[in-house]
């Protein structure tokens, strides 16, 4: 498949494909005129890259998920660690959502008099609500 076909099937710009190749995430198998040509398996590689990015992995981390032949070779400990990070982020976001929902309906005359909102402010000031 030439780069235009890969771009069309993957929904990625050709410039992104060239960048991924430069980073070592994908590899062309030759050229057809001036266009790079890729093995059809590159679509699976691009799907793994998209999944990794959606999970919050950096491109450098994603690069380690491929064996030299381009096949997936994913460190399970790295996956578990990322899942733990996501779980912690979800917990922080749920706590923030709960606090904001309470503040929205709190019967206190002002937010400065609402103990729940004050705890939320203290958590924000301490940095414990940061997601990264």
N, C-alpha and C. Protein backbone atom coordinates (compact mmCIF):
# COMPACT_ATOMS: atom_id res chain seq x y z
N UNK A 1 0.85 -1.17 0.00
CA UNK A 1 0.00 0.00 0.00
C UNK A 1 0.89 1.23 0.00
N UNK A 2 0.56 2.20 -0.86
CA UNK A 2 1.37 3.41 -0.84
C UNK A 2 0.87 4.32 0.28
N UNK A 3 1.63 5.35 0.57
CA UNK A 3 1.36 6.21 1.71
C UNK A 3 -0.01 6.88 1.63
N UNK A 4 -0.47 7.18 0.41
CA UNK A 4 -1.79 7.79 0.26
C UNK A 4 -2.89 6.81 0.66
N UNK A 5 -2.71 5.55 0.30
CA UNK A 5 -3.70 4.54 0.68
C UNK A 5 -3.71 4.32 2.19
N UNK A 6 -2.54 4.29 2.78
CA UNK A 6 -2.45 4.13 4.24
C UNK A 6 -3.10 5.33 4.93
N UNK A 7 -2.83 6.51 4.43
CA UNK A 7 -3.42 7.72 5.01
C UNK A 7 -4.95 7.65 4.92
N UNK A 8 -5.45 7.23 3.79
CA UNK A 8 -6.90 7.17 3.61
C UNK A 8 -7.51 6.12 4.53
N UNK A 9 -6.92 4.94 4.61
CA UNK A 9 -7.47 3.87 5.45
C UNK A 9 -7.34 4.15 6.93
N UNK A 10 -6.28 4.83 7.31
CA UNK A 10 -6.04 5.08 8.74
C UNK A 10 -6.66 6.39 9.22
N UNK A 11 -6.93 7.30 8.29
CA UNK A 11 -7.43 8.62 8.68
C UNK A 11 -6.33 9.56 9.16
N UNK A 12 -5.09 9.14 9.00
CA UNK A 12 -3.96 9.97 9.42
C UNK A 12 -3.37 10.70 8.23
N UNK A 13 -2.83 11.87 8.48
CA UNK A 13 -2.17 12.63 7.42
C UNK A 13 -0.87 11.93 7.03
N UNK A 14 -0.50 12.08 5.78
CA UNK A 14 0.77 11.50 5.31
C UNK A 14 1.94 12.03 6.13
N UNK A 15 1.86 13.29 6.54
CA UNK A 15 2.94 13.86 7.35
C UNK A 15 3.06 13.13 8.69
N UNK A 16 1.94 12.70 9.25
CA UNK A 16 1.96 11.93 10.50
C UNK A 16 2.61 10.58 10.27
N UNK A 17 2.29 9.95 9.14
CA UNK A 17 2.89 8.66 8.82
C UNK A 17 4.40 8.79 8.65
N UNK A 18 4.82 9.86 7.99
CA UNK A 18 6.27 10.08 7.83
C UNK A 18 6.93 10.32 9.19
N UNK A 19 6.25 11.05 10.06
CA UNK A 19 6.78 11.30 11.40
C UNK A 19 6.88 9.99 12.19
N UNK A 20 5.85 9.17 12.13
CA UNK A 20 5.89 7.87 12.81
C UNK A 20 7.03 7.02 12.28
N UNK A 21 7.27 7.10 10.98
CA UNK A 21 8.39 6.34 10.41
C UNK A 21 9.71 6.89 10.93
N UNK A 22 9.82 8.20 11.00
CA UNK A 22 11.04 8.83 11.51
C UNK A 22 11.29 8.43 12.97
N UNK A 23 10.21 8.29 13.76
CA UNK A 23 10.33 7.89 15.17
C UNK A 23 10.55 6.39 15.33
N UNK A 24 10.47 5.64 14.23
CA UNK A 24 10.68 4.20 14.29
C UNK A 24 9.46 3.40 14.68
N UNK A 25 8.28 4.03 14.65
CA UNK A 25 7.04 3.34 15.01
C UNK A 25 6.53 2.44 13.87
N UNK A 26 6.74 2.87 12.65
CA UNK A 26 6.36 2.09 11.48
C UNK A 26 7.54 2.11 10.50
N UNK A 27 7.53 1.20 9.55
CA UNK A 27 8.61 1.12 8.58
C UNK A 27 8.04 0.90 7.19
N UNK A 28 8.50 1.70 6.25
CA UNK A 28 8.08 1.47 4.87
C UNK A 28 8.91 0.31 4.31
N UNK A 29 8.35 -0.34 3.31
CA UNK A 29 9.05 -1.49 2.73
C UNK A 29 9.66 -1.15 1.38
N UNK A 30 9.56 0.10 0.99
CA UNK A 30 10.14 0.52 -0.27
C UNK A 30 9.46 1.78 -0.78
N UNK A 31 9.64 2.01 -2.08
CA UNK A 31 9.04 3.19 -2.70
C UNK A 31 8.42 2.79 -4.04
N UNK A 32 7.37 3.53 -4.35
CA UNK A 32 6.73 3.40 -5.65
C UNK A 32 6.81 4.81 -6.24
N UNK A 33 7.80 5.02 -7.07
CA UNK A 33 8.09 6.38 -7.51
C UNK A 33 8.64 7.14 -6.32
N UNK A 34 8.01 8.25 -5.99
CA UNK A 34 8.44 9.03 -4.83
C UNK A 34 7.67 8.67 -3.56
N UNK A 35 6.65 7.83 -3.69
CA UNK A 35 5.80 7.51 -2.53
C UNK A 35 6.32 6.31 -1.77
N UNK A 36 6.26 6.43 -0.46
CA UNK A 36 6.60 5.30 0.40
C UNK A 36 5.54 4.22 0.23
N UNK A 37 5.97 2.98 0.38
CA UNK A 37 5.06 1.83 0.31
C UNK A 37 5.16 1.09 1.64
N UNK A 38 4.01 0.67 2.15
CA UNK A 38 3.93 -0.02 3.44
C UNK A 38 3.26 -1.37 3.28
N UNK A 39 3.65 -2.30 4.13
CA UNK A 39 2.99 -3.59 4.22
C UNK A 39 1.58 -3.35 4.76
N UNK A 40 0.57 -4.12 4.33
CA UNK A 40 -0.78 -3.93 4.85
C UNK A 40 -0.88 -4.03 6.38
N UNK A 41 0.06 -4.74 7.01
CA UNK A 41 0.07 -4.85 8.47
C UNK A 41 0.30 -3.53 9.18
N UNK A 42 0.69 -2.50 8.44
CA UNK A 42 0.92 -1.20 9.06
C UNK A 42 -0.38 -0.65 9.67
N UNK A 43 -1.51 -1.05 9.12
CA UNK A 43 -2.80 -0.58 9.67
C UNK A 43 -2.97 -1.09 11.10
N UNK A 44 -2.58 -2.33 11.36
CA UNK A 44 -2.64 -2.86 12.73
C UNK A 44 -1.68 -2.11 13.64
N UNK A 45 -0.50 -1.79 13.13
CA UNK A 45 0.47 -1.03 13.93
C UNK A 45 -0.11 0.35 14.26
N UNK A 46 -0.73 0.98 13.29
CA UNK A 46 -1.31 2.30 13.52
C UNK A 46 -2.46 2.23 14.53
N UNK A 47 -3.20 1.13 14.51
CA UNK A 47 -4.27 0.94 15.50
C UNK A 47 -3.69 0.83 16.90
N UNK A 48 -2.59 0.10 17.04
CA UNK A 48 -1.94 -0.02 18.35
C UNK A 48 -1.39 1.34 18.80
N UNK A 49 -0.84 2.10 17.88
CA UNK A 49 -0.35 3.44 18.22
C UNK A 49 -1.50 4.30 18.71
N UNK A 50 -2.64 4.26 18.02
CA UNK A 50 -3.81 5.06 18.43
C UNK A 50 -4.31 4.63 19.80
N UNK A 51 -4.34 3.32 20.04
CA UNK A 51 -4.78 2.82 21.35
C UNK A 51 -3.82 3.28 22.44
N UNK A 52 -2.54 3.18 22.17
CA UNK A 52 -1.54 3.63 23.14
C UNK A 52 -1.68 5.11 23.47
N UNK A 53 -1.89 5.92 22.44
CA UNK A 53 -2.06 7.35 22.67
C UNK A 53 -3.33 7.62 23.47
N UNK A 54 -4.42 6.92 23.14
CA UNK A 54 -5.68 7.10 23.87
C UNK A 54 -5.51 6.75 25.35
N UNK A 55 -4.63 5.79 25.64
CA UNK A 55 -4.38 5.38 27.03
C UNK A 55 -3.40 6.31 27.74
N UNK A 56 -2.80 7.23 26.99
CA UNK A 56 -1.89 8.20 27.61
C UNK A 56 -0.42 7.86 27.50
N UNK A 57 -0.07 6.85 26.69
CA UNK A 57 1.33 6.53 26.50
C UNK A 57 1.97 7.55 25.55
N UNK A 58 3.23 7.87 25.78
CA UNK A 58 3.98 8.73 24.87
C UNK A 58 4.37 7.92 23.64
N UNK A 59 4.75 8.60 22.58
CA UNK A 59 5.20 7.88 21.39
C UNK A 59 6.46 7.06 21.68
N UNK A 60 7.32 7.58 22.54
CA UNK A 60 8.52 6.81 22.90
C UNK A 60 8.15 5.53 23.65
N UNK A 61 7.14 5.61 24.52
CA UNK A 61 6.68 4.41 25.22
C UNK A 61 6.02 3.44 24.23
N UNK A 62 5.25 3.98 23.31
CA UNK A 62 4.59 3.14 22.31
C UNK A 62 5.62 2.43 21.44
N UNK A 63 6.71 3.11 21.13
CA UNK A 63 7.76 2.50 20.30
C UNK A 63 8.30 1.23 20.94
N UNK A 64 8.30 1.17 22.26
CA UNK A 64 8.80 -0.03 22.94
C UNK A 64 7.82 -1.19 22.86
N UNK A 65 6.61 -0.94 22.37
CA UNK A 65 5.57 -1.97 22.28
C UNK A 65 5.70 -2.82 21.02
N UNK A 66 6.68 -2.50 20.18
CA UNK A 66 6.87 -3.23 18.94
C UNK A 66 8.21 -3.95 18.94
N UNK A 67 8.19 -5.19 18.47
CA UNK A 67 9.43 -5.93 18.24
C UNK A 67 10.09 -5.35 16.98
N UNK A 68 11.34 -5.67 16.74
CA UNK A 68 12.02 -5.15 15.54
C UNK A 68 11.29 -5.48 14.23
N UNK A 69 10.52 -6.57 14.21
CA UNK A 69 9.79 -6.94 13.00
C UNK A 69 8.45 -6.21 12.86
N UNK A 70 8.14 -5.31 13.82
CA UNK A 70 6.91 -4.53 13.77
C UNK A 70 5.72 -5.18 14.44
N UNK A 71 5.89 -6.39 14.93
CA UNK A 71 4.81 -7.10 15.62
C UNK A 71 4.73 -6.61 17.06
N UNK A 72 3.53 -6.62 17.64
CA UNK A 72 3.39 -6.19 19.04
C UNK A 72 4.20 -7.06 19.98
N UNK A 73 4.87 -6.41 20.92
CA UNK A 73 5.64 -7.07 21.98
C UNK A 73 5.52 -6.15 23.19
N UNK A 74 4.40 -6.27 23.88
CA UNK A 74 4.03 -5.29 24.90
C UNK A 74 4.36 -5.79 26.30
N UNK A 75 5.05 -4.93 27.05
CA UNK A 75 5.41 -5.21 28.44
C UNK A 75 4.15 -5.14 29.30
N UNK A 76 3.76 -6.26 29.86
CA UNK A 76 2.53 -6.32 30.65
C UNK A 76 2.62 -5.48 31.93
N UNK A 77 3.81 -5.37 32.50
CA UNK A 77 3.98 -4.53 33.70
C UNK A 77 3.72 -3.06 33.36
N UNK A 78 4.16 -2.64 32.17
CA UNK A 78 3.92 -1.27 31.73
C UNK A 78 2.42 -1.02 31.58
N UNK A 79 1.70 -2.00 31.04
CA UNK A 79 0.25 -1.87 30.90
C UNK A 79 -0.43 -1.77 32.26
N UNK A 80 -0.01 -2.61 33.20
CA UNK A 80 -0.60 -2.58 34.54
C UNK A 80 -0.31 -1.25 35.23
N UNK A 81 0.89 -0.73 35.05
CA UNK A 81 1.26 0.55 35.64
C UNK A 81 0.40 1.69 35.08
N UNK A 82 0.20 1.67 33.77
CA UNK A 82 -0.63 2.70 33.13
C UNK A 82 -2.08 2.58 33.60
N UNK A 83 -2.57 1.34 33.75
CA UNK A 83 -3.93 1.13 34.25
C UNK A 83 -4.06 1.70 35.67
N UNK A 84 -3.02 1.51 36.50
CA UNK A 84 -3.04 2.08 37.85
C UNK A 84 -3.09 3.60 37.80
N UNK A 85 -2.31 4.21 36.89
CA UNK A 85 -2.33 5.67 36.73
C UNK A 85 -3.73 6.15 36.33
N UNK A 86 -4.34 5.44 35.40
CA UNK A 86 -5.68 5.81 34.93
C UNK A 86 -6.68 5.68 36.07
N UNK A 87 -6.59 4.59 36.84
CA UNK A 87 -7.50 4.40 37.98
C UNK A 87 -7.37 5.54 38.98
N UNK A 88 -6.13 5.95 39.27
CA UNK A 88 -5.91 7.06 40.20
C UNK A 88 -6.48 8.36 39.65
N UNK A 89 -6.31 8.57 38.35
CA UNK A 89 -6.86 9.77 37.73
C UNK A 89 -8.39 9.76 37.78
N UNK A 90 -8.99 8.62 37.52
CA UNK A 90 -10.45 8.49 37.59
C UNK A 90 -10.93 8.79 39.01
N UNK A 91 -10.24 8.28 40.01
CA UNK A 91 -10.63 8.53 41.40
C UNK A 91 -10.57 10.02 41.73
N UNK A 92 -9.48 10.69 41.27
CA UNK A 92 -9.37 12.14 41.52
C UNK A 92 -10.49 12.90 40.82
N UNK A 93 -10.79 12.53 39.60
CA UNK A 93 -11.84 13.21 38.85
C UNK A 93 -13.23 12.97 39.46
N UNK A 94 -13.47 11.75 39.95
CA UNK A 94 -14.75 11.46 40.61
C UNK A 94 -14.90 12.31 41.87
N UNK A 95 -13.81 12.42 42.64
CA UNK A 95 -13.85 13.23 43.86
C UNK A 95 -14.13 14.68 43.51
N UNK A 96 -13.49 15.18 42.46
CA UNK A 96 -13.71 16.56 42.06
C UNK A 96 -15.16 16.74 41.60
N UNK A 97 -15.67 15.82 40.81
CA UNK A 97 -17.04 15.91 40.33
C UNK A 97 -18.02 15.93 41.50
N UNK A 98 -17.80 15.03 42.46
CA UNK A 98 -18.68 14.97 43.62
C UNK A 98 -18.66 16.29 44.39
N UNK A 99 -17.47 16.85 44.59
CA UNK A 99 -17.36 18.11 45.30
C UNK A 99 -18.02 19.26 44.56
N UNK A 100 -17.84 19.31 43.25
CA UNK A 100 -18.46 20.37 42.45
C UNK A 100 -19.98 20.24 42.43
N UNK A 101 -20.46 19.01 42.32
CA UNK A 101 -21.91 18.80 42.34
C UNK A 101 -22.50 19.24 43.68
N UNK A 102 -21.78 18.91 44.77
CA UNK A 102 -22.26 19.35 46.08
C UNK A 102 -22.28 20.88 46.15
N UNK A 103 -21.21 21.51 45.72
CA UNK A 103 -21.13 22.97 45.78
C UNK A 103 -22.24 23.62 44.95
N UNK A 104 -22.64 22.97 43.88
CA UNK A 104 -23.68 23.53 43.02
C UNK A 104 -25.04 23.57 43.71
N UNK A 105 -25.27 22.66 44.66
CA UNK A 105 -26.58 22.60 45.33
C UNK A 105 -26.48 22.84 46.84
N UNK A 106 -25.31 23.18 47.32
CA UNK A 106 -25.08 23.37 48.76
C UNK A 106 -26.02 24.44 49.33
N UNK A 107 -26.65 24.14 50.45
CA UNK A 107 -27.56 25.14 51.04
C UNK A 107 -26.85 26.25 51.81
N UNK A 108 -25.53 26.18 51.94
CA UNK A 108 -24.80 27.23 52.66
C UNK A 108 -25.01 28.57 51.93
N UNK A 109 -25.04 29.66 52.69
CA UNK A 109 -25.27 30.98 52.07
C UNK A 109 -24.23 31.35 51.01
N UNK A 110 -22.99 30.89 51.17
CA UNK A 110 -21.97 31.16 50.15
C UNK A 110 -21.01 29.97 50.12
N UNK A 111 -20.26 29.88 49.05
CA UNK A 111 -19.30 28.78 48.94
C UNK A 111 -18.23 28.85 50.03
N UNK A 112 -17.91 30.05 50.47
CA UNK A 112 -16.89 30.17 51.52
C UNK A 112 -17.37 29.59 52.85
N UNK A 113 -18.67 29.39 52.99
CA UNK A 113 -19.22 28.81 54.21
C UNK A 113 -19.53 27.31 54.07
N UNK A 114 -19.24 26.76 52.92
CA UNK A 114 -19.52 25.34 52.65
C UNK A 114 -18.28 24.50 52.99
N UNK A 115 -18.35 23.63 54.00
CA UNK A 115 -17.18 22.82 54.37
C UNK A 115 -16.70 21.92 53.22
N UNK A 116 -17.60 21.38 52.47
CA UNK A 116 -17.21 20.50 51.35
C UNK A 116 -16.44 21.29 50.31
N UNK A 117 -16.91 22.49 49.98
CA UNK A 117 -16.22 23.32 48.99
C UNK A 117 -14.87 23.75 49.52
N UNK A 118 -14.77 24.03 50.80
CA UNK A 118 -13.49 24.41 51.41
C UNK A 118 -12.49 23.26 51.33
N UNK A 119 -12.95 22.03 51.57
CA UNK A 119 -12.06 20.87 51.43
C UNK A 119 -11.58 20.72 49.98
N UNK A 120 -12.46 20.98 49.03
CA UNK A 120 -12.09 20.92 47.62
C UNK A 120 -11.03 21.98 47.31
N UNK A 121 -11.19 23.18 47.86
CA UNK A 121 -10.19 24.23 47.66
C UNK A 121 -8.84 23.84 48.25
N UNK A 122 -8.86 23.26 49.44
CA UNK A 122 -7.61 22.84 50.08
C UNK A 122 -6.93 21.74 49.26
N UNK A 123 -7.71 20.81 48.75
CA UNK A 123 -7.14 19.74 47.92
C UNK A 123 -6.51 20.32 46.65
N UNK A 124 -7.19 21.29 46.06
CA UNK A 124 -6.65 21.92 44.85
C UNK A 124 -5.35 22.68 45.18
N UNK A 125 -5.36 23.38 46.29
CA UNK A 125 -4.17 24.15 46.69
C UNK A 125 -2.98 23.24 46.99
N UNK A 126 -3.25 22.05 47.52
CA UNK A 126 -2.16 21.13 47.84
C UNK A 126 -1.63 20.38 46.62
N UNK A 127 -2.37 20.49 45.52
CA UNK A 127 -1.95 19.80 44.30
C UNK A 127 -2.47 18.39 44.19
N UNK A 128 -3.27 17.94 45.12
CA UNK A 128 -3.74 16.55 45.09
C UNK A 128 -4.82 16.30 44.05
N UNK A 129 -5.32 17.35 43.43
CA UNK A 129 -6.34 17.16 42.38
C UNK A 129 -5.73 17.16 40.99
N UNK A 130 -4.44 17.41 40.89
CA UNK A 130 -3.81 17.44 39.58
C UNK A 130 -3.84 16.05 38.96
N UNK A 131 -4.11 16.02 37.64
CA UNK A 131 -4.18 14.73 36.95
C UNK A 131 -2.85 14.35 36.36
N UNK A 132 -1.92 15.25 36.28
CA UNK A 132 -0.55 14.98 35.84
C UNK A 132 0.24 16.23 35.82
